[in-house]
Amino acid sequence: MLTMLTRWLRDPPEAKASRAPSSVAFYVAGQAVWTPRDYGALAREGFQKNAIVHRAVRLVSEAAASLPLVLKTRGGEAIEHPLLDLLAQPNVREGGQRFLESVFGHLLVSGNAYVEAVSVDGLPRELHALRPDRMRVVPGTDGWPAAYEYAVGTQTIRFAQGADPIPPILHLTLFHPADDHYGLSPMEAAATALDIHNAAGAWNKALLDNAARPSGALVLGNALLNDTQFDRLKQELELNYQGAGNAGRPLLLEGGLDWKPLSLSPKDMDFVEAKAAAAREIALAFGVPPLLLGLPGDNTHANYAEANRAFYRQTVIPLAKRTAQAIAQWLAPAFGETLHLEPDLDAIEALADERESLWRRITAASFLSDDEKREAVGYGRHVNTQRS
């Protein structure tokens, strides 16, 4: 017996946990890991200044936030539950849909979203979406987040993740293959296309401000202008021939002056097609069919309805499912039961034709029982509530 005790003290039993994160924590334990990207630049140059990004983010976040959520427990679907009430009114300033729009919007712009739970007597009473640019991950000795720091101005609030019954912060991320703590924004994958689209818009604006005329040079042959003549000519050009208000005014040249255009024309630069290609690439990164954004070309869908179905199936539903699952798993311990939260696909109008086709095929399957048909269309078996 003494030999077994000595062996146990020398080689204690190992707990089930991944050993890989510990190598990361060796360097960063207890210190905030800063986001390696500039969230402010992504928000400013993308969502605030680019119409394609702005519409794509709003389209995905509003569609995902509008999906009704179904809560399932061990006893079946729950019609009334404190979690449903919490999601319907997360806080005094926001309704459920507005709150989820903020969560999805942060996730798409930065690749990260943070939700704070305010608990009273062990039960979550409010949920708040926090800005990703103010939040920092603080890894523990095992490499996983031990705390989060939320900085506003000179003040910093630290949220320890070991609190009962649930951690105060839920960190949602999009997959990033080269970062242990932060997610990858679709905008980063489309950064080149975003820069091209913004640069094309700025170039077009500058061209219009210059009366839609490309820059050029005044050639005087072999003669030279003195300083007074040069200043007078420059001032004359700036006052009388630059700007949209002077569009179409003839340029009067004297003394053998000749106008030589320097820049390529918009046709030579293929300006319109380059901007359209960049817009389609941005839409591709966000998973939005170009047809839904009003972009010409590369529309592989036969009609708007088909593009809308693909949008929900490939982009909106997966995003809503993984977010709903994360929220349910996060908050379930506070309610002391197993909870499963998922979007109600029957409420999506874009998928109504698919649902109707499925019901028609299942109804015609005479070899299936009623319970098997209910399970095939997503409902549970019929429960007989009549007492004998």
Protein backbone atom coordinates (compact mmCIF):
# COMPACT_ATOMS: atom_id res chain seq x y z
CA MET A 1 0.00 0.00 0.00
CA LEU A 2 2.86 2.39 0.89
CA THR A 3 4.53 1.61 -2.43
CA MET A 4 1.36 2.53 -4.35
CA LEU A 5 1.04 5.82 -2.44
CA THR A 6 4.67 6.71 -3.13
CA ARG A 7 4.20 5.95 -6.82
CA TRP A 8 1.03 8.11 -6.92
CA LEU A 9 2.85 11.07 -5.32
CA ARG A 10 5.75 10.73 -7.76
CA ASP A 11 3.55 10.27 -10.84
CA PRO A 12 0.10 11.76 -10.10
CA PRO A 13 -2.73 10.80 -12.45
CA GLU A 14 -3.12 13.09 -15.46
CA ALA A 15 -6.26 15.09 -16.11
CA LYS A 16 -7.90 14.91 -19.52
CA ALA A 17 -6.81 18.09 -21.30
CA SER A 18 -4.98 19.13 -24.42
CA ARG A 19 -1.26 19.64 -23.82
CA ALA A 20 -0.70 21.83 -26.90
CA PRO A 21 -1.97 25.18 -25.50
CA SER A 22 0.49 25.06 -22.60
CA SER A 23 3.34 25.84 -24.99
CA VAL A 24 1.50 28.99 -26.06
CA ALA A 25 0.73 29.98 -22.48
CA PHE A 26 4.43 29.72 -21.59
CA TYR A 27 5.00 33.04 -23.35
CA VAL A 28 1.73 34.89 -22.77
CA ALA A 29 0.25 33.66 -19.48
CA GLY A 30 -1.32 36.53 -17.56
CA GLN A 31 -0.67 39.13 -20.26
CA ALA A 32 -3.21 40.56 -22.68
CA VAL A 33 -2.89 39.30 -26.24
CA TRP A 34 -3.59 42.23 -28.54
CA THR A 35 -5.59 41.86 -31.70
CA PRO A 36 -3.06 41.82 -34.59
CA ARG A 37 -5.44 43.72 -36.83
CA ASP A 38 -6.79 47.26 -36.71
CA TYR A 39 -10.51 46.92 -36.09
CA GLY A 40 -10.95 50.66 -36.49
CA ALA A 41 -9.44 50.56 -39.98
CA LEU A 42 -11.62 47.62 -40.99
CA ALA A 43 -14.73 49.36 -39.74
CA ARG A 44 -13.79 52.71 -41.27
CA GLU A 45 -12.49 51.64 -44.69
CA GLY A 46 -14.91 48.74 -45.03
CA PHE A 47 -18.27 49.12 -43.31
CA GLN A 48 -18.34 52.93 -43.18
CA LYS A 49 -16.85 53.81 -46.59
CA ASN A 50 -17.59 50.84 -48.86
CA ALA A 51 -21.17 50.31 -50.01
CA ILE A 52 -20.60 46.64 -50.91
CA VAL A 53 -19.20 45.75 -47.47
CA HIS A 54 -21.85 47.83 -45.72
CA ARG A 55 -24.70 46.10 -47.54
CA ALA A 56 -23.18 42.62 -47.23
CA VAL A 57 -22.70 42.96 -43.45
CA ARG A 58 -26.19 44.33 -42.95
CA LEU A 59 -27.74 41.72 -45.21
CA VAL A 60 -26.16 38.80 -43.34
CA SER A 61 -26.56 40.19 -39.82
CA GLU A 62 -30.18 41.28 -40.27
CA ALA A 63 -31.17 38.00 -41.91
CA ALA A 64 -29.49 35.90 -39.20
CA ALA A 65 -30.92 38.02 -36.37
CA SER A 66 -34.46 37.79 -37.75
CA LEU A 67 -34.60 33.98 -37.60
CA PRO A 68 -36.89 32.76 -34.78
CA LEU A 69 -35.10 30.54 -32.27
CA VAL A 70 -36.46 27.25 -30.97
CA LEU A 71 -35.40 26.01 -27.51
CA LYS A 72 -35.31 22.29 -26.86
CA THR A 73 -34.81 20.58 -23.50
CA ARG A 74 -34.83 16.94 -22.48
CA GLY A 75 -38.61 17.16 -22.26
CA GLY A 76 -38.99 18.45 -25.82
CA GLU A 77 -39.55 21.89 -27.27
CA ALA A 78 -39.97 24.61 -24.66
CA ILE A 79 -42.59 27.26 -25.40
CA GLU A 80 -41.83 29.26 -22.26
CA HIS A 81 -38.43 29.46 -20.62
CA PRO A 82 -36.31 32.13 -18.86
CA LEU A 83 -33.69 31.84 -21.62
CA LEU A 84 -36.27 32.68 -24.28
CA ASP A 85 -37.39 35.69 -22.23
CA LEU A 86 -33.78 36.80 -21.87
CA LEU A 87 -33.11 36.55 -25.60
CA ALA A 88 -36.35 38.42 -26.37
CA GLN A 89 -35.28 41.33 -24.12
CA PRO A 90 -31.51 41.09 -23.46
CA ASN A 91 -31.26 44.52 -21.81
CA VAL A 92 -33.26 47.66 -21.24
CA ARG A 93 -31.87 49.41 -24.34
CA GLU A 94 -32.21 46.67 -26.96
CA GLY A 95 -34.68 44.09 -28.14
CA GLY A 96 -33.63 40.60 -29.10
CA GLN A 97 -33.25 41.21 -32.83
CA ARG A 98 -31.31 44.46 -32.37
CA PHE A 99 -28.98 42.74 -29.90
CA LEU A 100 -28.28 39.83 -32.26
CA GLU A 101 -27.69 42.23 -35.16
CA SER A 102 -24.89 43.83 -33.12
CA VAL A 103 -23.39 40.43 -32.30
CA PHE A 104 -23.44 39.27 -35.94
CA GLY A 105 -22.22 42.66 -37.17
CA HIS A 106 -19.19 42.59 -34.86
CA LEU A 107 -18.48 39.02 -35.89
CA LEU A 108 -18.48 39.88 -39.60
CA VAL A 109 -16.49 43.10 -39.33
CA SER A 110 -13.79 41.94 -36.91
CA GLY A 111 -14.09 38.14 -36.86
CA ASN A 112 -14.83 38.40 -33.11
CA ALA A 113 -17.91 39.10 -31.00
CA TYR A 114 -18.13 39.41 -27.21
CA VAL A 115 -21.29 39.03 -25.12
CA GLU A 116 -21.38 39.97 -21.43
CA ALA A 117 -23.83 38.27 -19.07
CA VAL A 118 -24.98 40.24 -16.02
CA SER A 119 -26.05 37.70 -13.39
CA VAL A 120 -28.10 38.19 -10.23
CA ASP A 121 -28.27 35.34 -7.70
CA GLY A 122 -26.61 33.02 -10.20
CA LEU A 123 -29.10 33.65 -13.02
CA PRO A 124 -28.30 35.79 -16.11
CA ARG A 125 -30.55 38.84 -16.16
CA GLU A 126 -29.05 40.90 -19.00
CA LEU A 127 -26.89 40.35 -22.09
CA HIS A 128 -24.74 43.06 -23.67
CA ALA A 129 -22.77 43.05 -26.93
CA LEU A 130 -19.33 44.59 -26.32
CA ARG A 131 -17.10 46.27 -28.90
CA PRO A 132 -14.32 43.96 -30.11
CA ASP A 133 -11.72 46.73 -30.40
CA ARG A 134 -11.91 47.35 -26.65
CA MET A 135 -11.59 43.71 -25.56
CA ARG A 136 -8.34 41.81 -24.97
CA VAL A 137 -7.83 38.12 -24.22
CA VAL A 138 -5.73 37.21 -21.17
CA PRO A 139 -4.54 33.59 -21.48
CA GLY A 140 -4.02 31.41 -18.42
CA THR A 141 -1.28 28.89 -17.71
CA ASP A 142 -3.09 26.28 -19.80
CA GLY A 143 -3.24 28.55 -22.87
CA TRP A 144 -6.99 29.06 -22.79
CA PRO A 145 -8.53 32.46 -21.91
CA ALA A 146 -8.44 32.97 -18.13
CA ALA A 147 -9.83 36.51 -18.27
CA TYR A 148 -10.86 39.31 -20.60
CA GLU A 149 -9.92 42.97 -20.26
CA TYR A 150 -12.29 45.66 -21.54
CA ALA A 151 -10.59 49.03 -21.89
CA VAL A 152 -12.45 52.34 -22.30
CA GLY A 153 -10.19 55.39 -22.20
CA THR A 154 -7.93 55.07 -19.17
CA GLN A 155 -10.14 52.58 -17.33
CA THR A 156 -9.93 48.81 -17.70
CA ILE A 157 -12.44 46.23 -16.48
CA ARG A 158 -11.22 42.67 -15.97
CA PHE A 159 -13.65 39.77 -16.39
CA ALA A 160 -12.33 36.58 -14.78
CA GLN A 161 -13.61 33.49 -16.56
CA GLY A 162 -13.69 31.23 -13.51
CA ALA A 163 -16.84 32.71 -11.99
CA ASP A 164 -19.91 30.61 -11.13
CA PRO A 165 -22.23 29.48 -12.47
CA ILE A 166 -21.27 30.74 -15.95
CA PRO A 167 -18.31 32.75 -17.30
CA PRO A 168 -19.22 36.44 -17.64
CA ILE A 169 -17.95 36.69 -21.24
CA LEU A 170 -18.85 34.63 -24.30
CA HIS A 171 -16.23 35.02 -27.05
CA LEU A 172 -17.48 34.13 -30.54
CA THR A 173 -14.94 33.83 -33.36
CA LEU A 174 -14.77 33.01 -37.03
CA PHE A 175 -12.17 30.39 -37.94
CA HIS A 176 -8.60 31.67 -38.14
CA PRO A 177 -5.91 29.12 -39.11
CA ALA A 178 -3.00 31.15 -37.70
CA ASP A 179 -4.31 32.68 -34.47
CA ASP A 180 -4.93 30.96 -31.14
CA HIS A 181 -7.34 33.50 -29.69
CA TYR A 182 -8.88 35.74 -32.33
CA GLY A 183 -11.02 35.11 -35.40
CA LEU A 184 -10.52 36.15 -39.02
CA SER A 185 -12.81 38.76 -40.54
CA PRO A 186 -14.10 38.19 -44.11
CA MET A 187 -12.91 41.73 -44.78
CA GLU A 188 -9.31 40.68 -44.23
CA ALA A 189 -9.62 37.93 -46.82
CA ALA A 190 -11.02 40.51 -49.26
CA ALA A 191 -8.60 43.29 -48.25
CA THR A 192 -7.02 43.60 -51.71
CA ALA A 193 -10.40 43.74 -53.43
CA LEU A 194 -11.59 46.25 -50.83
CA ASP A 195 -8.61 48.53 -51.49
CA ILE A 196 -9.14 48.29 -55.26
CA HIS A 197 -12.83 49.11 -54.93
CA ASN A 198 -12.18 52.09 -52.63
CA ALA A 199 -9.30 53.35 -54.80
CA ALA A 200 -11.45 53.08 -57.92
CA GLY A 201 -14.18 55.11 -56.24
CA ALA A 202 -11.69 57.75 -55.09
CA TRP A 203 -10.14 57.94 -58.56
CA ASN A 204 -13.54 58.38 -60.15
CA LYS A 205 -14.45 61.10 -57.65
CA ALA A 206 -11.18 62.95 -58.34
CA LEU A 207 -11.81 62.65 -62.07
CA LEU A 208 -15.27 64.19 -61.69
CA ASP A 209 -13.90 66.95 -59.46
CA ASN A 210 -11.45 67.75 -62.28
CA ALA A 211 -14.31 68.20 -64.77
CA ALA A 212 -13.96 64.60 -65.94
CA ARG A 213 -10.70 65.49 -67.64
CA PRO A 214 -7.49 63.53 -67.01
CA SER A 215 -4.39 65.51 -66.12
CA GLY A 216 -2.09 66.71 -68.84
CA ALA A 217 0.80 69.03 -69.67
CA LEU A 218 1.16 72.34 -71.47
CA VAL A 219 4.01 72.12 -73.94
CA LEU A 220 5.78 75.30 -75.15
CA GLY A 221 8.30 73.80 -77.53
CA ASN A 222 11.86 74.93 -76.92
CA ALA A 223 10.92 78.22 -75.26
CA LEU A 224 10.99 78.78 -71.49
CA LEU A 225 8.53 80.65 -69.29
CA ASN A 226 9.77 83.08 -66.69
CA ASP A 227 8.50 82.86 -63.12
CA THR A 228 5.84 85.51 -63.60
CA GLN A 229 4.42 83.83 -66.72
CA PHE A 230 4.48 80.41 -65.06
CA ASP A 231 2.63 81.62 -61.95
CA ARG A 232 0.03 83.47 -64.04
CA LEU A 233 -0.59 80.40 -66.23
CA LYS A 234 -0.88 78.07 -63.23
CA GLN A 235 -3.30 80.40 -61.46
CA GLU A 236 -5.40 80.72 -64.60
CA LEU A 237 -5.70 76.95 -64.95
CA GLU A 238 -6.65 76.43 -61.31
CA LEU A 239 -9.28 79.17 -61.24
CA ASN A 240 -10.85 78.82 -64.67
CA TYR A 241 -10.44 75.21 -65.80
CA GLN A 242 -10.34 72.91 -62.75
CA GLY A 243 -13.35 71.61 -60.84
CA ALA A 244 -16.77 70.33 -61.82
CA GLY A 245 -18.13 73.87 -62.18
CA ASN A 246 -15.75 74.54 -65.05
CA ALA A 247 -16.62 71.39 -66.98
CA GLY A 248 -16.71 71.94 -70.74
CA ARG A 249 -14.99 75.34 -70.77
CA PRO A 250 -12.63 75.66 -73.74
CA LEU A 251 -8.93 76.00 -72.99
CA LEU A 252 -7.49 79.09 -74.68
CA LEU A 253 -3.81 78.70 -75.52
CA GLU A 254 -1.46 81.39 -76.74
CA GLY A 255 2.18 81.78 -77.58
CA GLY A 256 2.54 78.33 -79.15
CA LEU A 257 1.28 76.40 -76.11
CA ASP A 258 -0.02 72.87 -76.77
CA TRP A 259 -2.04 70.53 -74.46
CA LYS A 260 -0.76 66.95 -74.11
CA PRO A 261 -2.84 64.48 -72.02
CA LEU A 262 -0.72 62.39 -69.63
CA SER A 263 -3.10 59.98 -67.90
CA LEU A 264 -4.76 56.95 -69.40
CA SER A 265 -8.42 57.23 -70.19
CA PRO A 266 -10.99 55.34 -68.10
CA LYS A 267 -11.47 52.99 -71.05
CA ASP A 268 -7.76 52.20 -71.21
CA MET A 269 -7.68 51.47 -67.48
CA ASP A 270 -10.79 49.25 -67.73
CA PHE A 271 -11.98 51.12 -64.68
CA VAL A 272 -15.57 49.90 -64.56
CA GLU A 273 -14.75 46.20 -64.93
CA ALA A 274 -11.96 46.35 -62.35
CA LYS A 275 -14.34 47.89 -59.81
CA ALA A 276 -17.07 45.35 -60.59
CA ALA A 277 -14.64 42.43 -60.23
CA ALA A 278 -13.49 43.77 -56.85
CA ALA A 279 -17.12 44.10 -55.72
CA ARG A 280 -17.86 40.50 -56.68
CA GLU A 281 -14.80 39.31 -54.76
CA ILE A 282 -15.97 41.18 -51.65
CA ALA A 283 -19.41 39.60 -51.98
CA LEU A 284 -17.75 36.18 -52.31
CA ALA A 285 -15.82 36.67 -49.05
CA PHE A 286 -19.05 37.45 -47.16
CA GLY A 287 -20.98 34.61 -48.77
CA VAL A 288 -23.54 36.87 -50.44
CA PRO A 289 -24.62 36.11 -54.04
CA PRO A 290 -23.79 39.12 -56.26
CA LEU A 291 -27.38 39.14 -57.51
CA LEU A 292 -28.63 40.10 -54.03
CA LEU A 293 -26.26 43.09 -53.97
CA GLY A 294 -27.26 44.29 -57.43
CA LEU A 295 -23.84 43.52 -58.94
CA PRO A 296 -23.67 42.80 -62.68
CA GLY A 297 -21.96 39.71 -64.09
CA ASP A 298 -21.04 36.33 -62.59
CA ASN A 299 -24.64 35.67 -61.57
CA THR A 300 -24.74 31.89 -61.65
CA HIS A 301 -28.24 31.71 -60.18
CA ALA A 302 -31.18 31.52 -62.56
CA ASN A 303 -33.30 33.95 -60.58
CA TYR A 304 -33.52 35.98 -57.39
CA ALA A 305 -35.40 33.27 -55.48
CA GLU A 306 -32.67 30.70 -56.15
CA ALA A 307 -29.96 33.16 -55.08
CA ASN A 308 -31.92 33.90 -51.90
CA ARG A 309 -32.19 30.18 -51.07
CA ALA A 310 -28.46 29.71 -51.59
CA PHE A 311 -27.78 32.74 -49.39
CA TYR A 312 -29.78 31.29 -46.50
CA ARG A 313 -28.52 27.72 -46.90
CA GLN A 314 -24.82 28.53 -47.27
CA THR A 315 -24.38 31.70 -45.19
CA VAL A 316 -27.22 32.72 -42.87
CA ILE A 317 -28.31 29.38 -41.41
CA PRO A 318 -24.78 28.06 -40.56
CA LEU A 319 -23.93 31.38 -38.86
CA ALA A 320 -27.18 31.47 -36.89
CA LYS A 321 -26.87 27.80 -35.87
CA ARG A 322 -23.33 28.03 -34.51
CA THR A 323 -24.13 31.25 -32.62
CA ALA A 324 -27.34 29.88 -31.11
CA GLN A 325 -25.55 26.69 -30.08
CA ALA A 326 -22.74 28.68 -28.41
CA ILE A 327 -25.22 30.85 -26.47
CA ALA A 328 -27.20 27.83 -25.25
CA GLN A 329 -24.07 25.95 -24.19
CA TRP A 330 -22.77 29.05 -22.39
CA LEU A 331 -25.95 29.81 -20.41
CA ALA A 332 -27.27 26.27 -19.80
CA PRO A 333 -25.36 25.71 -16.49
CA ALA A 334 -27.14 28.71 -14.95
CA PHE A 335 -30.50 27.05 -15.53
CA GLY A 336 -29.32 23.62 -14.37
CA GLU A 337 -30.46 21.70 -17.45
CA THR A 338 -29.36 20.71 -20.92
CA LEU A 339 -30.49 23.27 -23.48
CA HIS A 340 -30.36 23.22 -27.26
CA LEU A 341 -31.06 26.40 -29.21
CA GLU A 342 -31.48 26.45 -32.98
CA PRO A 343 -33.17 28.60 -35.65
CA ASP A 344 -36.65 27.65 -36.82
CA LEU A 345 -36.13 26.81 -40.50
CA ASP A 346 -39.89 26.51 -41.09
CA ALA A 347 -40.18 30.27 -40.56
CA ILE A 348 -37.84 31.14 -43.45
CA GLU A 349 -39.93 32.26 -46.42
CA ALA A 350 -37.05 31.74 -48.83
CA LEU A 351 -37.11 27.99 -48.06
CA ALA A 352 -40.91 27.59 -48.27
CA ASP A 353 -40.75 25.87 -51.68
CA GLU A 354 -38.19 23.36 -50.42
CA ARG A 355 -40.29 22.62 -47.34
CA GLU A 356 -43.44 22.16 -49.38
CA SER A 357 -41.67 19.77 -51.75
CA LEU A 358 -40.35 17.74 -48.80
CA TRP A 359 -43.77 17.50 -47.18
CA ARG A 360 -45.32 16.39 -50.48
CA ARG A 361 -42.77 13.60 -50.92
CA ILE A 362 -43.07 12.43 -47.31
CA THR A 363 -46.88 12.43 -47.46
CA ALA A 364 -46.79 10.28 -50.58
CA ALA A 365 -44.48 7.72 -48.92
CA SER A 366 -47.07 5.11 -47.93
CA PHE A 367 -44.41 2.79 -46.49
CA LEU A 368 -43.69 5.24 -43.62
CA SER A 369 -45.68 5.40 -40.40
CA ASP A 370 -47.04 8.68 -39.04
CA ASP A 371 -44.26 8.88 -36.45
CA GLU A 372 -41.60 8.22 -39.10
CA LYS A 373 -43.10 10.95 -41.29
CA ARG A 374 -43.05 13.41 -38.38
CA GLU A 375 -39.38 12.66 -37.72
CA ALA A 376 -38.53 12.96 -41.43
CA VAL A 377 -39.85 16.54 -41.58
CA GLY A 378 -38.13 17.59 -38.34
CA TYR A 379 -40.81 16.94 -35.74
CA GLY A 380 -40.65 14.43 -32.92
CA ARG A 381 -42.86 11.41 -32.54
CA HIS A 382 -46.44 12.03 -31.52
CA VAL A 383 -46.89 12.00 -27.74
CA ASN A 384 -50.24 10.76 -26.45
CA THR A 385 -51.28 13.07 -23.62
CA GLN A 386 -54.69 11.43 -23.00
CA ARG A 387 -55.05 9.61 -19.72
CA SER A 388 -56.65 6.20 -19.60
